[in-house]
Amino acid sequence: MNEDDKIQRAVRRTVGIAALKRIRRIVDVDNELEAGKQRWARRLGVLFMLAAVLVLAWMLIR
């Protein structure tokens, strides 16, 4: 194995590691966005349930 092959392998390894780190950052950001969407969905669900209970209570009292 000559010096050029060693350099090429080192370059490919470095580029591969950098690509994996970049993909990991993208996945982390996507996971954060999905977690945020789940929180908002839960909040809206609770809000709609509370509104439904209040409307039902208002209808029964009236």
Protein backbone atom coordinates (compact mmCIF):
# COMPACT_ATOMS: atom_id res chain seq x y z
CA MET A 1 0.00 0.00 0.00
CA ASN A 2 1.53 3.28 -1.03
CA GLU A 3 1.21 6.67 0.62
CA ASP A 4 -1.47 7.87 -1.81
CA ASP A 5 -3.80 5.00 -0.87
CA LYS A 6 -3.38 5.79 2.82
CA ILE A 7 -4.22 9.44 2.18
CA GLN A 8 -7.28 8.51 0.12
CA ARG A 9 -8.55 6.18 2.86
CA ALA A 10 -8.01 8.84 5.51
CA VAL A 11 -9.85 11.41 3.40
CA ARG A 12 -12.79 9.05 2.78
CA ARG A 13 -12.96 8.23 6.48
CA THR A 14 -12.90 11.90 7.48
CA VAL A 15 -15.56 12.80 4.92
CA GLY A 16 -17.70 9.85 6.02
CA ILE A 17 -17.51 10.84 9.67
CA ALA A 18 -18.39 14.43 8.81
CA ALA A 19 -21.38 13.25 6.76
CA LEU A 20 -22.62 11.05 9.61
CA LYS A 21 -22.33 13.95 12.07
CA ARG A 22 -24.27 16.19 9.70
CA ILE A 23 -27.00 13.57 9.29
CA ARG A 24 -27.16 13.18 13.08
CA ARG A 25 -27.71 16.94 13.50
CA ILE A 26 -30.50 16.86 10.90
CA VAL A 27 -32.16 13.92 12.66
CA ASP A 28 -31.90 15.66 16.03
CA VAL A 29 -33.57 18.80 14.67
CA ASP A 30 -36.32 16.70 13.09
CA ASN A 31 -36.90 14.85 16.38
CA GLU A 32 -37.20 18.18 18.22
CA LEU A 33 -39.78 19.40 15.70
CA GLU A 34 -41.80 16.20 16.07
CA ALA A 35 -41.71 16.49 19.87
CA GLY A 36 -42.95 20.07 19.57
CA LYS A 37 -45.80 18.96 17.33
CA GLN A 38 -46.78 16.28 19.87
CA ARG A 39 -46.84 18.84 22.68
CA TRP A 40 -49.08 21.16 20.66
CA ALA A 41 -51.39 18.30 19.70
CA ARG A 42 -51.74 17.31 23.35
CA ARG A 43 -52.46 20.91 24.38
CA LEU A 44 -55.05 21.35 21.65
CA GLY A 45 -56.67 18.05 22.56
CA VAL A 46 -57.03 19.12 26.18
CA LEU A 47 -58.38 22.49 25.07
CA PHE A 48 -61.00 20.90 22.79
CA MET A 49 -62.04 18.43 25.48
CA LEU A 50 -62.42 21.26 27.99
CA ALA A 51 -64.47 23.26 25.48
CA ALA A 52 -66.71 20.24 24.82
CA VAL A 53 -67.27 19.70 28.55
CA LEU A 54 -68.11 23.36 29.04
CA VAL A 55 -70.56 23.37 26.13
CA LEU A 56 -72.20 20.19 27.40
CA ALA A 57 -72.44 21.61 30.93
CA TRP A 58 -73.91 24.84 29.57
CA MET A 59 -76.49 22.86 27.56
CA LEU A 60 -77.49 20.78 30.59
CA ILE A 61 -77.80 23.78 32.91
CA ARG A 62 -79.84 25.74 30.41
